[in-house]
Amino acid sequence: MGTIAPPAARALARLHEAGFEAWLVGGCVRDMLLGCAPKDYDLATSARPEETKAVFQGETVLETGIRHGTVTVLLEGMPLEITTYRVDGAYSDARHPDGVTFADNLRADAARRDFTINAMAYAPGRGLRDYFGGQADLRAGCLRAVGDPGTRFQEDALRILRGLRFAAVLDFSLEEETDRAARRYAPLLTKVSAERCAAELGKLLCGPAAGRILRAYPAVLGVVIPELLPMVGFAHRNAHHCYDVWTHTAVAVDHVPPRLPLRLAMLLHDMGKPDTFSLGEDGQGHFYGHPRRSVELAEGILTRLRFPRRTREQVLCLVRYHDAVIEESPQRVRRWLNKLGPERFFDLLEIQRGDASAQAPAYCTRLDHLRRLEKIAGEVLAEAPCLTVRELAVGGRELLALGYQGPAIGMALRRLLDCVLEGTLPNEKTALLQYLEQIDAKKSEGKRNKSSGET
């Protein structure tokens, strides 16, 4: 077992000293057995909630789930969820127990948990308690429900998505009966809140085995995002592709860094293909306008699942431009850096790299193109370029002094920025002002010539 964080160890000790049983349970035990540092610690105890509160008198104690026997103790800045041994009642909403009954032993408490790898308990000096073979399943890379899988999933349908998430994050496989039950009871996911589904989906997508899970469980994921299903089995009928649209998507997900906006963009980037498919005279499949259609579908999905606004904006931008052709020149790259900003531009290159990596191997020359673009962008940024109006060496004050007013100021600044981005003007105050003076002089001369002609 790994090292227990001092606040968690002290919480166990305080409960023991007060005469109660107390164990670390759930994911923290699993993570310690895997050699990973737990992100948080959950404790199960024989103490009733009021008794737990008394043990930690003087500390901050929050009644986060008092109805279900849970309080959260803030000990040395670390939140610790401490739950009384319990047996859950019926789950009429396929998400939460209608009520709980406090139990008097650890085994009864462990029996209510979702998967065997999460049903183990540990306490220093008392060792590991593993009633359902969780340690063996952990070694075998097996995700097995505790007890009857169908019962577990009917109690709480979110466990189905949690199972796929654990499989993707840990690179595990669902045990046969658990797998069958997950597929059978997937429709119950419609009863789970959008936020909870989105949270599990995000963790799943960022797992190292995300692509494998996407390929294996499209029907389950399709309950949460029905718009994905038309991609399954949809042939590209195009020499550039060796996979159907869904398989291409799953492979592409694995080829981008495990950051949520990138993985979400990769999941959604080709959703518009089935709606935009056409067959050319050469017999090749085409998908004209599919990025636009993908954006329309993605916007609805991201809004429905209540992803944060910033995440939605990032994903939609990457989906919109995933198929864009970017020329290999400093001028064009500066334009894209101006349009997207450096961070999002490099994210777009990652998306295009993931997309290209999931195409037919014979057509992966695009990867060389993307490497060259990355190099050009690095060189451009090393020069500390001006990419926005704010970064121009002149501003509204200087233009007012030249006689510009109102909207004309903004128009003039944008014109200067265009010249700087194209490389026809340096971002230097003198050069920029001289350029505007020359333009003004030409305009004045033109007006004089026009007046002379009229007389």
Protein backbone atom coordinates (compact mmCIF):
# COMPACT_ATOMS: atom_id res chain seq x y z
CA MET A 1 0.00 0.00 0.00
CA GLY A 2 1.07 3.56 -0.62
CA THR A 3 1.47 6.31 1.91
CA ILE A 4 -1.71 7.76 3.40
CA ALA A 5 -2.00 11.54 3.51
CA PRO A 6 -1.43 12.68 7.12
CA PRO A 7 -4.90 14.28 7.57
CA ALA A 8 -6.60 11.04 6.46
CA ALA A 9 -4.38 8.97 8.78
CA ARG A 10 -5.17 11.30 11.68
CA ALA A 11 -8.91 11.10 10.98
CA LEU A 12 -8.74 7.29 11.15
CA ALA A 13 -6.79 7.50 14.41
CA ARG A 14 -9.25 9.90 16.03
CA LEU A 15 -12.21 7.66 15.22
CA HIS A 16 -10.34 4.58 16.50
CA GLU A 17 -9.35 6.37 19.71
CA ALA A 18 -13.01 7.28 20.25
CA GLY A 19 -13.92 3.59 20.09
CA PHE A 20 -15.26 3.39 16.53
CA GLU A 21 -14.24 1.33 13.52
CA ALA A 22 -12.93 3.41 10.63
CA TRP A 23 -11.56 2.45 7.22
CA LEU A 24 -10.37 4.10 4.06
CA VAL A 25 -12.74 2.97 1.32
CA GLY A 26 -13.43 3.30 -2.39
CA GLY A 27 -11.18 4.95 -4.93
CA CYS A 28 -8.40 5.92 -2.55
CA VAL A 29 -7.77 2.25 -1.68
CA ARG A 30 -7.86 1.29 -5.35
CA ASP A 31 -5.42 4.05 -6.25
CA MET A 32 -2.99 3.13 -3.45
CA LEU A 33 -2.98 -0.49 -4.63
CA LEU A 34 -2.21 0.77 -8.14
CA GLY A 35 0.70 2.81 -6.78
CA CYS A 36 -1.02 6.14 -7.44
CA ALA A 37 -1.49 9.00 -4.99
CA PRO A 38 -5.22 9.34 -4.20
CA LYS A 39 -6.83 12.63 -5.19
CA ASP A 40 -9.23 12.43 -2.27
CA TYR A 41 -10.01 10.18 0.68
CA ASP A 42 -13.32 8.62 1.74
CA LEU A 43 -13.79 6.94 5.11
CA ALA A 44 -16.42 4.46 6.30
CA THR A 45 -17.08 4.16 10.01
CA SER A 46 -19.29 2.50 12.57
CA ALA A 47 -19.89 5.94 14.11
CA ARG A 48 -23.26 7.54 13.42
CA PRO A 49 -23.15 11.02 11.87
CA GLU A 50 -23.76 12.80 15.18
CA GLU A 51 -21.01 10.73 16.78
CA THR A 52 -18.64 11.60 13.93
CA LYS A 53 -19.42 15.28 14.43
CA ALA A 54 -18.64 14.92 18.14
CA VAL A 55 -15.29 13.21 17.42
CA PHE A 56 -14.29 16.15 15.21
CA GLN A 57 -15.64 18.89 17.43
CA GLY A 58 -13.54 21.99 16.91
CA GLU A 59 -12.93 21.17 13.24
CA THR A 60 -15.02 22.39 10.31
CA VAL A 61 -17.70 19.75 9.75
CA LEU A 62 -20.13 20.07 6.82
CA GLU A 63 -23.36 18.10 6.64
CA THR A 64 -22.87 17.36 2.94
CA GLY A 65 -24.99 14.21 2.89
CA ILE A 66 -26.30 13.83 6.40
CA ARG A 67 -29.48 12.15 5.11
CA HIS A 68 -27.34 9.34 3.74
CA GLY A 69 -24.96 9.26 6.69
CA THR A 70 -22.21 11.43 5.22
CA VAL A 71 -20.41 14.40 6.72
CA THR A 72 -17.35 16.15 5.32
CA VAL A 73 -14.60 17.05 7.78
CA LEU A 74 -12.03 19.67 6.81
CA LEU A 75 -8.87 18.49 8.53
CA GLU A 76 -5.70 20.51 7.97
CA GLY A 77 -7.24 21.90 4.79
CA MET A 78 -8.13 18.48 3.35
CA PRO A 79 -11.82 17.57 2.85
CA LEU A 80 -12.55 14.04 4.08
CA GLU A 81 -15.92 12.40 3.40
CA ILE A 82 -16.85 10.23 6.37
CA THR A 83 -19.88 7.96 5.96
CA THR A 84 -21.55 5.67 8.45
CA TYR A 85 -21.75 1.98 7.45
CA ARG A 86 -25.04 1.71 5.60
CA VAL A 87 -27.30 -0.41 3.43
CA ASP A 88 -29.12 1.42 0.65
CA GLY A 89 -32.87 1.19 0.18
CA ALA A 90 -34.74 1.13 -3.14
CA TYR A 91 -33.65 3.40 -6.01
CA SER A 92 -36.91 4.61 -7.57
CA ASP A 93 -35.17 7.28 -9.69
CA ALA A 94 -32.29 5.05 -10.93
CA ARG A 95 -29.86 7.45 -9.31
CA HIS A 96 -30.25 7.91 -5.53
CA PRO A 97 -31.50 5.58 -2.80
CA ASP A 98 -34.91 6.56 -1.45
CA GLY A 99 -33.50 5.94 2.01
CA VAL A 100 -30.65 4.24 3.84
CA THR A 101 -30.37 1.97 6.85
CA PHE A 102 -27.28 2.24 8.98
CA ALA A 103 -25.36 -1.05 9.23
CA ASP A 104 -23.12 -2.39 11.95
CA ASN A 105 -20.38 -3.98 9.85
CA LEU A 106 -18.00 -3.14 7.03
CA ARG A 107 -19.00 -6.03 4.76
CA ALA A 108 -22.61 -4.86 4.53
CA ASP A 109 -21.37 -1.40 3.60
CA ALA A 110 -18.99 -2.76 0.95
CA ALA A 111 -21.79 -4.79 -0.66
CA ARG A 112 -23.61 -1.63 -1.80
CA ARG A 113 -20.68 -0.32 -3.86
CA ASP A 114 -20.48 -0.29 -7.63
CA PHE A 115 -17.42 -2.32 -8.69
CA THR A 116 -15.21 -4.79 -6.87
CA ILE A 117 -12.13 -2.61 -7.34
CA ASN A 118 -13.96 0.15 -5.44
CA ALA A 119 -15.32 -2.11 -2.69
CA MET A 120 -12.08 -2.67 -0.77
CA ALA A 121 -11.20 -1.09 2.58
CA TYR A 122 -7.90 -0.44 4.34
CA ALA A 123 -6.77 0.75 7.75
CA PRO A 124 -3.21 0.92 9.10
CA GLY A 125 -2.59 -1.90 11.52
CA ARG A 126 -5.69 -3.79 10.35
CA GLY A 127 -4.75 -4.34 6.73
CA LEU A 128 -6.88 -4.77 3.62
CA ARG A 129 -10.48 -5.98 3.60
CA ASP A 130 -11.50 -7.38 0.23
CA TYR A 131 -14.81 -9.26 0.36
CA PHE A 132 -15.53 -9.44 -3.39
CA GLY A 133 -12.21 -10.16 -5.11
CA GLY A 134 -11.34 -6.58 -5.96
CA GLN A 135 -7.60 -7.09 -5.64
CA ALA A 136 -7.64 -10.01 -8.09
CA ASP A 137 -9.76 -7.99 -10.53
CA LEU A 138 -7.35 -5.08 -10.18
CA ARG A 139 -4.42 -7.34 -11.11
CA ALA A 140 -6.40 -8.80 -14.04
CA GLY A 141 -7.52 -5.42 -15.39
CA CYS A 142 -11.13 -6.51 -14.93
CA LEU A 143 -14.07 -4.28 -14.08
CA ARG A 144 -16.70 -6.37 -12.32
CA ALA A 145 -19.87 -5.17 -10.60
CA VAL A 146 -20.39 -6.06 -6.95
CA GLY A 147 -23.12 -8.68 -6.81
CA ASP A 148 -25.65 -8.74 -9.65
CA PRO A 149 -24.64 -6.20 -12.35
CA GLY A 150 -28.22 -5.61 -13.48
CA THR A 151 -29.26 -4.73 -9.94
CA ARG A 152 -26.31 -2.38 -9.52
CA PHE A 153 -27.09 -0.53 -12.78
CA GLN A 154 -30.82 -0.34 -12.14
CA GLU A 155 -30.09 1.18 -8.73
CA ASP A 156 -27.90 3.89 -10.21
CA ALA A 157 -27.66 4.18 -14.00
CA LEU A 158 -24.68 6.52 -13.78
CA ARG A 159 -22.66 3.45 -12.77
CA ILE A 160 -22.84 2.37 -16.42
CA LEU A 161 -20.96 5.47 -17.56
CA ARG A 162 -18.67 5.23 -14.54
CA GLY A 163 -17.81 1.70 -15.64
CA LEU A 164 -16.86 2.86 -19.12
CA ARG A 165 -14.91 5.73 -17.59
CA PHE A 166 -12.91 3.42 -15.32
CA ALA A 167 -12.26 1.12 -18.28
CA ALA A 168 -10.95 4.06 -20.34
CA VAL A 169 -8.88 5.62 -17.56
CA LEU A 170 -7.40 2.38 -16.18
CA ASP A 171 -7.32 0.55 -19.55
CA PHE A 172 -9.49 -2.22 -18.07
CA SER A 173 -12.17 -4.40 -19.66
CA LEU A 174 -15.68 -5.01 -18.37
CA GLU A 175 -16.31 -8.53 -17.09
CA GLU A 176 -18.75 -10.44 -19.33
CA GLU A 177 -21.88 -10.21 -17.14
CA THR A 178 -21.11 -6.60 -16.25
CA ASP A 179 -20.66 -5.82 -19.94
CA ARG A 180 -24.00 -7.38 -20.88
CA ALA A 181 -25.83 -5.54 -18.12
CA ALA A 182 -24.24 -2.21 -19.08
CA ARG A 183 -25.54 -2.58 -22.63
CA ARG A 184 -28.96 -3.83 -21.54
CA TYR A 185 -29.65 -1.07 -19.03
CA ALA A 186 -28.01 1.80 -20.94
CA PRO A 187 -31.43 3.39 -21.70
CA LEU A 188 -31.70 4.21 -17.98
CA LEU A 189 -29.01 6.86 -18.55
CA THR A 190 -31.81 9.14 -19.76
CA LYS A 191 -32.76 9.50 -16.07
CA VAL A 192 -29.33 10.84 -15.11
CA SER A 193 -28.70 14.60 -15.05
CA ALA A 194 -26.86 16.16 -17.97
CA GLU A 195 -24.11 17.51 -15.71
CA ARG A 196 -23.31 14.10 -14.23
CA CYS A 197 -23.22 12.47 -17.67
CA ALA A 198 -20.96 15.24 -18.97
CA ALA A 199 -18.56 14.83 -16.05
CA GLU A 200 -18.18 11.09 -16.65
CA LEU A 201 -17.94 11.52 -20.42
CA GLY A 202 -15.17 14.08 -20.00
CA LYS A 203 -13.13 11.77 -17.79
CA LEU A 204 -13.73 8.86 -20.17
CA LEU A 205 -12.55 10.86 -23.18
CA CYS A 206 -9.32 11.85 -21.43
CA GLY A 207 -8.46 8.26 -20.53
CA PRO A 208 -5.60 6.44 -22.30
CA ALA A 209 -8.01 3.78 -23.62
CA ALA A 210 -10.74 6.22 -24.69
CA GLY A 211 -10.66 5.18 -28.35
CA ARG A 212 -11.10 1.49 -27.54
CA ILE A 213 -14.09 2.22 -25.31
CA LEU A 214 -15.67 4.48 -27.94
CA ARG A 215 -15.37 1.74 -30.55
CA ALA A 216 -16.78 -0.90 -28.21
CA TYR A 217 -19.76 1.00 -26.75
CA PRO A 218 -21.30 3.39 -29.31
CA ALA A 219 -24.84 2.31 -28.41
CA VAL A 220 -24.29 3.10 -24.72
CA LEU A 221 -22.76 6.50 -25.46
CA GLY A 222 -25.51 7.10 -28.00
CA VAL A 223 -28.06 7.19 -25.19
CA VAL A 224 -26.33 10.31 -23.88
CA ILE A 225 -25.45 11.73 -27.33
CA PRO A 226 -27.83 10.25 -29.95
CA GLU A 227 -26.24 12.47 -32.62
CA LEU A 228 -23.18 10.18 -32.58
CA LEU A 229 -25.06 7.12 -33.81
CA PRO A 230 -25.33 8.01 -37.55
CA MET A 231 -21.51 7.89 -37.71
CA VAL A 232 -21.41 4.23 -36.66
CA GLY A 233 -20.71 2.08 -39.70
CA PHE A 234 -21.01 5.04 -42.10
CA ALA A 235 -18.48 4.35 -44.87
CA HIS A 236 -16.38 7.22 -46.21
CA ARG A 237 -16.16 5.63 -49.67
CA ASN A 238 -13.05 7.72 -50.12
CA ALA A 239 -9.44 6.69 -50.76
CA HIS A 240 -8.23 9.00 -48.02
CA HIS A 241 -9.96 6.92 -45.36
CA CYS A 242 -9.51 3.34 -44.19
CA TYR A 243 -12.17 3.46 -41.43
CA ASP A 244 -15.86 4.23 -41.21
CA VAL A 245 -16.68 7.63 -39.72
CA TRP A 246 -17.15 6.38 -36.14
CA THR A 247 -13.99 4.28 -36.09
CA HIS A 248 -12.05 7.19 -37.61
CA THR A 249 -13.41 9.39 -34.81
CA ALA A 250 -12.41 6.93 -32.09
CA VAL A 251 -8.89 6.50 -33.49
CA ALA A 252 -8.51 10.27 -33.87
CA VAL A 253 -9.48 10.82 -30.22
CA ASP A 254 -6.49 8.72 -29.14
CA HIS A 255 -4.18 10.84 -31.31
CA VAL A 256 -4.71 14.17 -29.55
CA PRO A 257 -3.40 15.14 -26.09
CA PRO A 258 -5.75 14.19 -23.22
CA ARG A 259 -7.16 17.65 -22.63
CA LEU A 260 -10.95 17.92 -22.55
CA PRO A 261 -11.46 20.59 -25.27
CA LEU A 262 -9.23 18.66 -27.69
CA ARG A 263 -10.81 15.28 -26.96
CA LEU A 264 -14.35 16.71 -27.19
CA ALA A 265 -13.54 18.45 -30.47
CA MET A 266 -12.16 15.22 -31.87
CA LEU A 267 -15.27 13.31 -30.77
CA LEU A 268 -17.57 15.82 -32.47
CA HIS A 269 -15.53 16.99 -35.48
CA ASP A 270 -17.07 14.71 -38.11
CA MET A 271 -20.65 14.40 -36.87
CA GLY A 272 -21.83 16.36 -39.89
CA LYS A 273 -20.51 13.83 -42.40
CA PRO A 274 -23.59 11.57 -42.67
CA ASP A 275 -25.79 14.62 -43.37
CA THR A 276 -23.45 16.06 -46.03
CA PHE A 277 -22.42 12.91 -47.91
CA SER A 278 -22.44 12.98 -51.70
CA LEU A 279 -20.95 10.69 -54.32
CA GLY A 280 -18.83 12.26 -57.04
CA GLU A 281 -18.71 11.18 -60.68
CA ASP A 282 -15.44 9.43 -59.87
CA GLY A 283 -17.22 7.25 -57.31
CA GLN A 284 -15.49 8.96 -54.40
CA GLY A 285 -17.43 10.07 -51.34
CA HIS A 286 -17.45 13.79 -50.52
CA PHE A 287 -18.60 15.70 -47.44
CA TYR A 288 -18.80 19.30 -48.58
CA GLY A 289 -19.69 21.64 -45.72
CA HIS A 290 -19.43 18.96 -43.05
CA PRO A 291 -17.49 21.19 -40.59
CA ARG A 292 -20.38 23.68 -40.58
CA ARG A 293 -22.93 20.93 -39.97
CA SER A 294 -20.70 19.42 -37.27
CA VAL A 295 -20.60 22.79 -35.49
CA GLU A 296 -24.40 22.99 -35.54
CA LEU A 297 -24.74 19.55 -34.00
CA ALA A 298 -21.90 20.07 -31.53
CA GLU A 299 -23.37 23.33 -30.26
CA GLY A 300 -26.63 21.60 -29.39
CA ILE A 301 -24.84 18.74 -27.62
CA LEU A 302 -22.47 20.92 -25.59
CA THR A 303 -25.32 23.18 -24.52
CA ARG A 304 -27.58 20.27 -23.61
CA LEU A 305 -24.85 18.64 -21.51
CA ARG A 306 -24.17 22.01 -19.87
CA PHE A 307 -20.47 22.22 -20.54
CA PRO A 308 -18.98 25.55 -19.43
CA ARG A 309 -19.16 28.40 -21.94
CA ARG A 310 -15.38 28.58 -22.37
CA THR A 311 -15.21 24.86 -23.15
CA ARG A 312 -18.04 25.21 -25.66
CA GLU A 313 -16.29 28.10 -27.41
CA GLN A 314 -12.98 26.24 -27.60
CA VAL A 315 -14.55 23.06 -28.95
CA LEU A 316 -16.75 24.80 -31.54
CA CYS A 317 -13.80 26.82 -32.84
CA LEU A 318 -11.69 23.68 -33.29
CA VAL A 319 -14.54 21.79 -34.97
CA ARG A 320 -15.22 24.74 -37.29
CA TYR A 321 -11.64 24.91 -38.56
CA HIS A 322 -10.54 21.27 -38.27
CA ASP A 323 -10.54 20.88 -42.05
CA ALA A 324 -9.14 24.33 -42.89
CA VAL A 325 -6.22 24.57 -45.30
CA ILE A 326 -3.40 26.65 -43.80
CA GLU A 327 -0.69 27.82 -46.18
CA GLU A 328 2.95 27.40 -45.23
CA SER A 329 3.99 31.05 -45.11
CA PRO A 330 4.73 33.46 -42.26
CA GLN A 331 2.06 35.83 -43.59
CA ARG A 332 -0.69 33.18 -43.56
CA VAL A 333 0.39 31.82 -40.19
CA ARG A 334 0.35 35.35 -38.73
CA ARG A 335 -3.21 35.69 -40.03
CA TRP A 336 -4.25 32.48 -38.27
CA LEU A 337 -2.49 33.51 -35.08
CA ASN A 338 -4.42 36.78 -35.26
CA LYS A 339 -7.71 34.94 -35.84
CA LEU A 340 -7.35 32.28 -33.14
CA GLY A 341 -4.61 33.41 -30.79
CA PRO A 342 -1.42 31.35 -30.32
CA GLU A 343 -2.81 28.80 -27.85
CA ARG A 344 -5.85 27.91 -29.94
CA PHE A 345 -3.81 27.89 -33.15
CA PHE A 346 -1.53 25.21 -31.74
CA ASP A 347 -4.61 23.34 -30.49
CA LEU A 348 -5.95 23.43 -34.04
CA LEU A 349 -2.71 21.90 -35.32
CA GLU A 350 -3.16 19.11 -32.73
CA ILE A 351 -6.71 18.53 -33.99
CA GLN A 352 -5.58 18.42 -37.61
CA ARG A 353 -2.75 16.07 -36.62
CA GLY A 354 -5.19 13.75 -34.85
CA ASP A 355 -7.53 13.83 -37.84
CA ALA A 356 -4.73 13.03 -40.29
CA SER A 357 -3.35 10.24 -38.08
CA ALA A 358 -6.69 8.43 -38.32
CA GLN A 359 -6.79 8.44 -42.13
CA ALA A 360 -5.38 5.95 -44.61
CA PRO A 361 -1.59 5.63 -44.04
CA ALA A 362 -0.87 6.46 -47.68
CA TYR A 363 -2.38 9.91 -47.15
CA CYS A 364 -0.53 10.90 -43.98
CA THR A 365 1.71 13.41 -45.80
CA ARG A 366 -0.41 16.07 -44.13
CA LEU A 367 1.52 15.32 -40.94
CA ASP A 368 4.70 16.72 -42.52
CA HIS A 369 2.77 19.83 -43.53
CA LEU A 370 1.58 20.30 -39.94
CA ARG A 371 5.11 19.92 -38.59
CA ARG A 372 6.27 22.66 -40.95
CA LEU A 373 3.39 24.91 -39.88
CA GLU A 374 4.33 24.37 -36.25
CA LYS A 375 7.91 25.37 -37.02
CA ILE A 376 6.82 28.50 -38.89
CA ALA A 377 4.50 29.49 -36.04
CA GLY A 378 7.32 29.05 -33.54
CA GLU A 379 9.59 31.27 -35.62
CA VAL A 380 6.89 33.92 -36.03
CA LEU A 381 6.17 33.99 -32.30
CA ALA A 382 9.89 34.13 -31.47
CA GLU A 383 9.93 37.55 -33.16
CA ALA A 384 7.33 38.82 -30.62
CA PRO A 385 5.00 39.79 -33.46
CA CYS A 386 2.08 42.19 -33.39
CA LEU A 387 -1.04 40.03 -33.74
CA THR A 388 -3.79 42.34 -32.50
CA VAL A 389 -4.77 46.02 -32.74
CA ARG A 390 -3.81 46.43 -29.08
CA GLU A 391 -0.24 45.43 -29.88
CA LEU A 392 0.22 48.08 -32.60
CA ALA A 393 2.88 50.68 -31.88
CA VAL A 394 0.24 53.39 -32.38
CA GLY A 395 -3.23 53.80 -30.91
CA GLY A 396 -6.27 56.02 -30.91
CA ARG A 397 -4.44 58.98 -29.36
CA GLU A 398 -1.94 59.23 -32.22
CA LEU A 399 -4.71 58.91 -34.79
CA LEU A 400 -6.75 61.65 -33.13
CA ALA A 401 -3.71 63.90 -33.49
CA LEU A 402 -3.72 63.16 -37.23
CA GLY A 403 -7.36 64.22 -37.45
CA TYR A 404 -9.05 60.81 -37.42
CA GLN A 405 -12.39 60.66 -35.63
CA GLY A 406 -15.05 58.12 -34.64
CA PRO A 407 -15.26 54.88 -36.68
CA ALA A 408 -12.41 56.07 -38.92
CA ILE A 409 -9.97 55.43 -36.07
CA GLY A 410 -10.91 51.75 -35.82
CA MET A 411 -10.83 51.34 -39.60
CA ALA A 412 -7.37 52.89 -39.80
CA LEU A 413 -6.01 50.70 -36.99
CA ARG A 414 -7.34 47.56 -38.66
CA ARG A 415 -5.75 48.63 -41.93
CA LEU A 416 -2.42 49.09 -40.16
CA LEU A 417 -2.75 45.67 -38.54
CA ASP A 418 -3.42 44.09 -41.94
CA CYS A 419 -0.19 45.58 -43.27
CA VAL A 420 1.78 44.40 -40.24
CA LEU A 421 0.34 40.89 -40.50
CA GLU A 422 1.19 40.75 -44.21
CA GLY A 423 4.71 41.93 -43.46
CA THR A 424 4.46 45.04 -45.68
CA LEU A 425 4.92 47.37 -42.70
CA PRO A 426 7.03 47.02 -39.55
CA ASN A 427 5.24 47.55 -36.26
CA GLU A 428 7.09 50.79 -35.59
CA LYS A 429 5.42 54.05 -34.64
CA THR A 430 7.21 56.20 -37.21
CA ALA A 431 6.55 53.79 -40.09
CA LEU A 432 2.88 53.37 -39.21
CA LEU A 433 2.22 57.11 -38.90
CA GLN A 434 4.10 57.85 -42.13
CA TYR A 435 1.96 55.24 -43.90
CA LEU A 436 -1.24 56.94 -42.70
CA GLU A 437 0.09 60.37 -43.68
CA GLN A 438 0.85 59.06 -47.18
CA ILE A 439 -2.67 57.66 -47.47
CA ASP A 440 -4.15 60.97 -46.29
CA ALA A 441 -1.99 62.87 -48.76
CA LYS A 442 -3.17 60.68 -51.64
CA LYS A 443 -6.80 61.14 -50.59
CA SER A 444 -6.36 64.91 -50.46
CA GLU A 445 -4.70 64.94 -53.87
CA GLY A 446 -7.50 62.84 -55.29
CA LYS A 447 -10.10 65.26 -53.95
CA ARG A 448 -8.22 68.25 -55.44
CA ASN A 449 -7.96 66.55 -58.83
CA LYS A 450 -11.66 65.73 -58.73
CA SER A 451 -12.53 69.34 -57.87
CA SER A 452 -10.31 70.63 -60.71
CA GLY A 453 -11.99 68.32 -63.18
CA GLU A 454 -15.45 69.51 -62.18
CA THR A 455 -14.55 73.16 -62.74
